[in-house]
Amino acid sequence: MLEAAPAEFARQDQEVVELPLLLPRWQAVELEAAAQRRGMTTGQMLRRVIRDVLAAQAGRS
């Protein structure tokens, strides 16, 4: 597990961490297609989704 960092530090941290992700094949295919429709790679789309979810959660805290 990764240690939690204070929010102000975490947003400035440029260290990259690899997170393995297991999905059913149909979800991976649909995710790739959705990303391509938006002109993004699958990784770019996942990073954007994660960023948006975390930003929304921080706004509720």
PDB file of N, CA and C in Angstrom:
ATOM      1  N   MET A   1       0.829  -1.177   0.000  1.00  0.00           N
ATOM      2  CA  MET A   1       0.000   0.000   0.000  1.00  0.00           C
ATOM      3  C   MET A   1       0.880   1.248   0.000  1.00  0.00           C
ATOM      4  N   LEU A   2       0.376   2.274  -0.615  1.00  0.00           N
ATOM      5  CA  LEU A   2       1.071   3.552  -0.641  1.00  0.00           C
ATOM      6  C   LEU A   2       0.659   4.375   0.562  1.00  0.00           C
ATOM      7  N   GLU A   3       1.600   5.143   1.084  1.00  0.00           N
ATOM      8  CA  GLU A   3       1.276   6.020   2.207  1.00  0.00           C
ATOM      9  C   GLU A   3       0.551   7.254   1.696  1.00  0.00           C
ATOM     10  N   ALA A   4      -0.434   7.679   2.443  1.00  0.00           N
ATOM     11  CA  ALA A   4      -1.158   8.901   2.078  1.00  0.00           C
ATOM     12  C   ALA A   4      -0.271  10.105   2.348  1.00  0.00           C
ATOM     13  N   ALA A   5      -0.337  11.069   1.437  1.00  0.00           N
ATOM     14  CA  ALA A   5       0.413  12.314   1.602  1.00  0.00           C
ATOM     15  C   ALA A   5      -0.580  13.444   1.772  1.00  0.00           C
ATOM     16  N   PRO A   6      -0.182  14.507   2.458  1.00  0.00           N
ATOM     17  CA  PRO A   6      -1.077  15.658   2.561  1.00  0.00           C
ATOM     18  C   PRO A   6      -1.461  16.137   1.162  1.00  0.00           C
ATOM     19  N   ALA A   7      -2.699  16.592   0.992  1.00  0.00           N
ATOM     20  CA  ALA A   7      -3.226  16.958  -0.323  1.00  0.00           C
ATOM     21  C   ALA A   7      -2.353  17.971  -1.037  1.00  0.00           C
ATOM     22  N   GLU A   8      -1.873  19.001  -0.325  1.00  0.00           N
ATOM     23  CA  GLU A   8      -1.073  20.029  -0.982  1.00  0.00           C
ATOM     24  C   GLU A   8       0.255  19.471  -1.485  1.00  0.00           C
ATOM     25  N   PHE A   9       0.808  18.484  -0.795  1.00  0.00           N
ATOM     26  CA  PHE A   9       2.041  17.838  -1.238  1.00  0.00           C
ATOM     27  C   PHE A   9       1.764  16.904  -2.399  1.00  0.00           C
ATOM     28  N   ALA A  10       0.706  16.128  -2.285  1.00  0.00           N
ATOM     29  CA  ALA A  10       0.400  15.114  -3.291  1.00  0.00           C
ATOM     30  C   ALA A  10       0.178  15.740  -4.663  1.00  0.00           C
ATOM     31  N   ARG A  11      -0.445  16.890  -4.735  1.00  0.00           N
ATOM     32  CA  ARG A  11      -0.725  17.518  -6.035  1.00  0.00           C
ATOM     33  C   ARG A  11       0.531  18.075  -6.686  1.00  0.00           C
ATOM     34  N   GLN A  12       1.573  18.317  -5.893  1.00  0.00           N
ATOM     35  CA  GLN A  12       2.822  18.842  -6.439  1.00  0.00           C
ATOM     36  C   GLN A  12       3.822  17.726  -6.736  1.00  0.00           C
ATOM     37  N   ASP A  13       3.577  16.553  -6.222  1.00  0.00           N
ATOM     38  CA  ASP A  13       4.479  15.427  -6.396  1.00  0.00           C
ATOM     39  C   ASP A  13       4.467  14.965  -7.849  1.00  0.00           C
ATOM     40  N   GLN A  14       5.623  14.874  -8.477  1.00  0.00           N
ATOM     41  CA  GLN A  14       5.714  14.453  -9.869  1.00  0.00           C
ATOM     42  C   GLN A  14       6.145  12.989 -10.009  1.00  0.00           C
ATOM     43  N   GLU A  15       6.296  12.287  -8.887  1.00  0.00           N
ATOM     44  CA  GLU A  15       6.678  10.884  -8.941  1.00  0.00           C
ATOM     45  C   GLU A  15       5.556  10.086  -9.586  1.00  0.00           C
ATOM     46  N   VAL A  16       5.918   9.103 -10.392  1.00  0.00           N
ATOM     47  CA  VAL A  16       4.948   8.271 -11.100  1.00  0.00           C
ATOM     48  C   VAL A  16       4.910   6.894 -10.452  1.00  0.00           C
ATOM     49  N   VAL A  17       3.716   6.361 -10.283  1.00  0.00           N
ATOM     50  CA  VAL A  17       3.519   5.037  -9.711  1.00  0.00           C
ATOM     51  C   VAL A  17       2.704   4.217 -10.699  1.00  0.00           C
ATOM     52  N   GLU A  18       3.133   3.004 -10.951  1.00  0.00           N
ATOM     53  CA  GLU A  18       2.400   2.124 -11.856  1.00  0.00           C
ATOM     54  C   GLU A  18       1.363   1.343 -11.062  1.00  0.00           C
ATOM     55  N   LEU A  19       0.124   1.359 -11.546  1.00  0.00           N
ATOM     56  CA  LEU A  19      -0.960   0.623 -10.899  1.00  0.00           C
ATOM     57  C   LEU A  19      -1.516  -0.416 -11.878  1.00  0.00           C
ATOM     58  N   PRO A  20      -1.310  -1.690 -11.596  1.00  0.00           N
ATOM     59  CA  PRO A  20      -1.889  -2.716 -12.470  1.00  0.00           C
ATOM     60  C   PRO A  20      -3.410  -2.664 -12.392  1.00  0.00           C
ATOM     61  N   LEU A  21      -4.063  -2.888 -13.499  1.00  0.00           N
ATOM     62  CA  LEU A  21      -5.515  -2.834 -13.553  1.00  0.00           C
ATOM     63  C   LEU A  21      -6.023  -4.041 -14.320  1.00  0.00           C
ATOM     64  N   LEU A  22      -6.848  -4.827 -13.677  1.00  0.00           N
ATOM     65  CA  LEU A  22      -7.443  -5.993 -14.330  1.00  0.00           C
ATOM     66  C   LEU A  22      -8.890  -5.679 -14.667  1.00  0.00           C
ATOM     67  N   LEU A  23      -9.239  -5.821 -15.931  1.00  0.00           N
ATOM     68  CA  LEU A  23     -10.604  -5.576 -16.398  1.00  0.00           C
ATOM     69  C   LEU A  23     -11.048  -6.750 -17.260  1.00  0.00           C
ATOM     70  N   PRO A  24     -12.344  -7.008 -17.273  1.00  0.00           N
ATOM     71  CA  PRO A  24     -12.831  -7.973 -18.261  1.00  0.00           C
ATOM     72  C   PRO A  24     -12.514  -7.424 -19.655  1.00  0.00           C
ATOM     73  N   ARG A  25     -12.250  -8.309 -20.600  1.00  0.00           N
ATOM     74  CA  ARG A  25     -11.862  -7.897 -21.945  1.00  0.00           C
ATOM     75  C   ARG A  25     -12.854  -6.908 -22.548  1.00  0.00           C
ATOM     76  N   TRP A  26     -14.157  -7.142 -22.356  1.00  0.00           N
ATOM     77  CA  TRP A  26     -15.147  -6.257 -22.978  1.00  0.00           C
ATOM     78  C   TRP A  26     -15.026  -4.840 -22.437  1.00  0.00           C
ATOM     79  N   GLN A  27     -14.688  -4.691 -21.141  1.00  0.00           N
ATOM     80  CA  GLN A  27     -14.524  -3.358 -20.575  1.00  0.00           C
ATOM     81  C   GLN A  27     -13.273  -2.682 -21.127  1.00  0.00           C
ATOM     82  N   ALA A  28     -12.205  -3.434 -21.283  1.00  0.00           N
ATOM     83  CA  ALA A  28     -10.977  -2.875 -21.840  1.00  0.00           C
ATOM     84  C   ALA A  28     -11.196  -2.415 -23.276  1.00  0.00           C
ATOM     85  N   VAL A  29     -11.925  -3.204 -24.060  1.00  0.00           N
ATOM     86  CA  VAL A  29     -12.219  -2.844 -25.451  1.00  0.00           C
ATOM     87  C   VAL A  29     -13.082  -1.587 -25.495  1.00  0.00           C
ATOM     88  N   GLU A  30     -14.112  -1.524 -24.661  1.00  0.00           N
ATOM     89  CA  GLU A  30     -14.989  -0.352 -24.623  1.00  0.00           C
ATOM     90  C   GLU A  30     -14.247   0.885 -24.125  1.00  0.00           C
ATOM     91  N   LEU A  31     -13.377   0.714 -23.148  1.00  0.00           N
ATOM     92  CA  LEU A  31     -12.590   1.834 -22.624  1.00  0.00           C
ATOM     93  C   LEU A  31     -11.663   2.381 -23.700  1.00  0.00           C
ATOM     94  N   GLU A  32     -11.000   1.504 -24.428  1.00  0.00           N
ATOM     95  CA  GLU A  32     -10.113   1.940 -25.505  1.00  0.00           C
ATOM     96  C   GLU A  32     -10.897   2.673 -26.599  1.00  0.00           C
ATOM     97  N   ALA A  33     -12.060   2.156 -26.954  1.00  0.00           N
ATOM     98  CA  ALA A  33     -12.885   2.801 -27.978  1.00  0.00           C
ATOM     99  C   ALA A  33     -13.365   4.177 -27.519  1.00  0.00           C
ATOM    100  N   ALA A  34     -13.783   4.286 -26.263  1.00  0.00           N
ATOM    101  CA  ALA A  34     -14.240   5.569 -25.722  1.00  0.00           C
ATOM    102  C   ALA A  34     -13.100   6.582 -25.714  1.00  0.00           C
ATOM    103  N   ALA A  35     -11.918   6.151 -25.362  1.00  0.00           N
ATOM    104  CA  ALA A  35     -10.756   7.041 -25.355  1.00  0.00           C
ATOM    105  C   ALA A  35     -10.444   7.508 -26.775  1.00  0.00           C
ATOM    106  N   GLN A  36     -10.460   6.597 -27.727  1.00  0.00           N
ATOM    107  CA  GLN A  36     -10.163   6.966 -29.115  1.00  0.00           C
ATOM    108  C   GLN A  36     -11.177   7.968 -29.655  1.00  0.00           C
ATOM    109  N   ARG A  37     -12.448   7.796 -29.292  1.00  0.00           N
ATOM    110  CA  ARG A  37     -13.476   8.743 -29.738  1.00  0.00           C
ATOM    111  C   ARG A  37     -13.202  10.146 -29.219  1.00  0.00           C
ATOM    112  N   ARG A  38     -12.527  10.232 -28.080  1.00  0.00           N
ATOM    113  CA  ARG A  38     -12.203  11.525 -27.481  1.00  0.00           C
ATOM    114  C   ARG A  38     -10.805  12.009 -27.866  1.00  0.00           C
ATOM    115  N   GLY A  39     -10.142  11.263 -28.742  1.00  0.00           N
ATOM    116  CA  GLY A  39      -8.803  11.650 -29.184  1.00  0.00           C
ATOM    117  C   GLY A  39      -7.732  11.443 -28.134  1.00  0.00           C
ATOM    118  N   MET A  40      -7.940  10.464 -27.253  1.00  0.00           N
ATOM    119  CA  MET A  40      -6.991  10.194 -26.174  1.00  0.00           C
ATOM    120  C   MET A  40      -6.553   8.741 -26.219  1.00  0.00           C
ATOM    121  N   THR A  41      -5.457   8.463 -25.528  1.00  0.00           N
ATOM    122  CA  THR A  41      -5.090   7.078 -25.288  1.00  0.00           C
ATOM    123  C   THR A  41      -5.891   6.581 -24.088  1.00  0.00           C
ATOM    124  N   THR A  42      -5.900   5.291 -23.895  1.00  0.00           N
ATOM    125  CA  THR A  42      -6.591   4.721 -22.741  1.00  0.00           C
ATOM    126  C   THR A  42      -5.987   5.252 -21.447  1.00  0.00           C
ATOM    127  N   GLY A  43      -4.665   5.342 -21.380  1.00  0.00           N
ATOM    128  CA  GLY A  43      -3.997   5.864 -20.184  1.00  0.00           C
ATOM    129  C   GLY A  43      -4.366   7.309 -19.901  1.00  0.00           C
ATOM    130  N   GLN A  44      -4.415   8.138 -20.948  1.00  0.00           N
ATOM    131  CA  GLN A  44      -4.804   9.537 -20.764  1.00  0.00           C
ATOM    132  C   GLN A  44      -6.220   9.635 -20.214  1.00  0.00           C
ATOM    133  N   MET A  45      -7.103   8.817 -20.756  1.00  0.00           N
ATOM    134  CA  MET A  45      -8.493   8.868 -20.308  1.00  0.00           C
ATOM    135  C   MET A  45      -8.615   8.415 -18.855  1.00  0.00           C
ATOM    136  N   LEU A  46      -7.926   7.354 -18.497  1.00  0.00           N
ATOM    137  CA  LEU A  46      -7.972   6.882 -17.110  1.00  0.00           C
ATOM    138  C   LEU A  46      -7.409   7.933 -16.153  1.00  0.00           C
ATOM    139  N   ARG A  47      -6.302   8.577 -16.534  1.00  0.00           N
ATOM    140  CA  ARG A  47      -5.733   9.615 -15.672  1.00  0.00           C
ATOM    141  C   ARG A  47      -6.708  10.770 -15.497  1.00  0.00           C
ATOM    142  N   ARG A  48      -7.396  11.145 -16.564  1.00  0.00           N
ATOM    143  CA  ARG A  48      -8.368  12.237 -16.472  1.00  0.00           C
ATOM    144  C   ARG A  48      -9.532  11.854 -15.565  1.00  0.00           C
ATOM    145  N   VAL A  49     -10.028  10.632 -15.715  1.00  0.00           N
ATOM    146  CA  VAL A  49     -11.139  10.173 -14.871  1.00  0.00           C
ATOM    147  C   VAL A  49     -10.723  10.171 -13.404  1.00  0.00           C
ATOM    148  N   ILE A  50      -9.549   9.652 -13.121  1.00  0.00           N
ATOM    149  CA  ILE A  50      -9.055   9.607 -11.743  1.00  0.00           C
ATOM    150  C   ILE A  50      -8.897  11.018 -11.194  1.00  0.00           C
ATOM    151  N   ARG A  51      -8.293  11.917 -11.983  1.00  0.00           N
ATOM    152  CA  ARG A  51      -8.119  13.310 -11.554  1.00  0.00           C
ATOM    153  C   ARG A  51      -9.467  13.951 -11.241  1.00  0.00           C
ATOM    154  N   ASP A  52     -10.449  13.752 -12.124  1.00  0.00           N
ATOM    155  CA  ASP A  52     -11.762  14.368 -11.929  1.00  0.00           C
ATOM    156  C   ASP A  52     -12.471  13.821 -10.690  1.00  0.00           C
ATOM    157  N   VAL A  53     -12.378  12.525 -10.467  1.00  0.00           N
ATOM    158  CA  VAL A  53     -13.001  11.925  -9.284  1.00  0.00           C
ATOM    159  C   VAL A  53     -12.357  12.459  -8.009  1.00  0.00           C
ATOM    160  N   LEU A  54     -11.022  12.537  -7.997  1.00  0.00           N
ATOM    161  CA  LEU A  54     -10.336  13.041  -6.812  1.00  0.00           C
ATOM    162  C   LEU A  54     -10.633  14.519  -6.578  1.00  0.00           C
ATOM    163  N   ALA A  55     -10.729  15.297  -7.649  1.00  0.00           N
ATOM    164  CA  ALA A  55     -11.055  16.724  -7.515  1.00  0.00           C
ATOM    165  C   ALA A  55     -12.462  16.896  -6.962  1.00  0.00           C
ATOM    166  N   ALA A  56     -13.412  16.097  -7.440  1.00  0.00           N
ATOM    167  CA  ALA A  56     -14.791  16.174  -6.948  1.00  0.00           C
ATOM    168  C   ALA A  56     -14.850  15.779  -5.471  1.00  0.00           C
ATOM    169  N   GLN A  57     -14.090  14.754  -5.104  1.00  0.00           N
ATOM    170  CA  GLN A  57     -14.073  14.316  -3.713  1.00  0.00           C
ATOM    171  C   GLN A  57     -13.445  15.387  -2.817  1.00  0.00           C
ATOM    172  N   ALA A  58     -12.397  16.037  -3.285  1.00  0.00           N
ATOM    173  CA  ALA A  58     -11.753  17.088  -2.498  1.00  0.00           C
ATOM    174  C   ALA A  58     -12.688  18.272  -2.315  1.00  0.00           C
ATOM    175  N   GLY A  59     -13.525  18.528  -3.306  1.00  0.00           N
ATOM    176  CA  GLY A  59     -14.479  19.625  -3.213  1.00  0.00           C
ATOM    177  C   GLY A  59     -15.560  19.381  -2.189  1.00  0.00           C
ATOM    178  N   ARG A  60     -15.818  18.113  -1.887  1.00  0.00           N
ATOM    179  CA  ARG A  60     -16.846  17.757  -0.886  1.00  0.00           C
ATOM    180  C   ARG A  60     -16.284  17.698   0.512  1.00  0.00           C
ATOM    181  N   SER A  61     -14.956  17.704   0.650  1.00  0.00           N
ATOM    182  CA  SER A  61     -14.347  17.590   1.994  1.00  0.00           C
ATOM    183  C   SER A  61     -14.348  18.893   2.732  1.00  0.00           C
TER     184      SER A  61
END
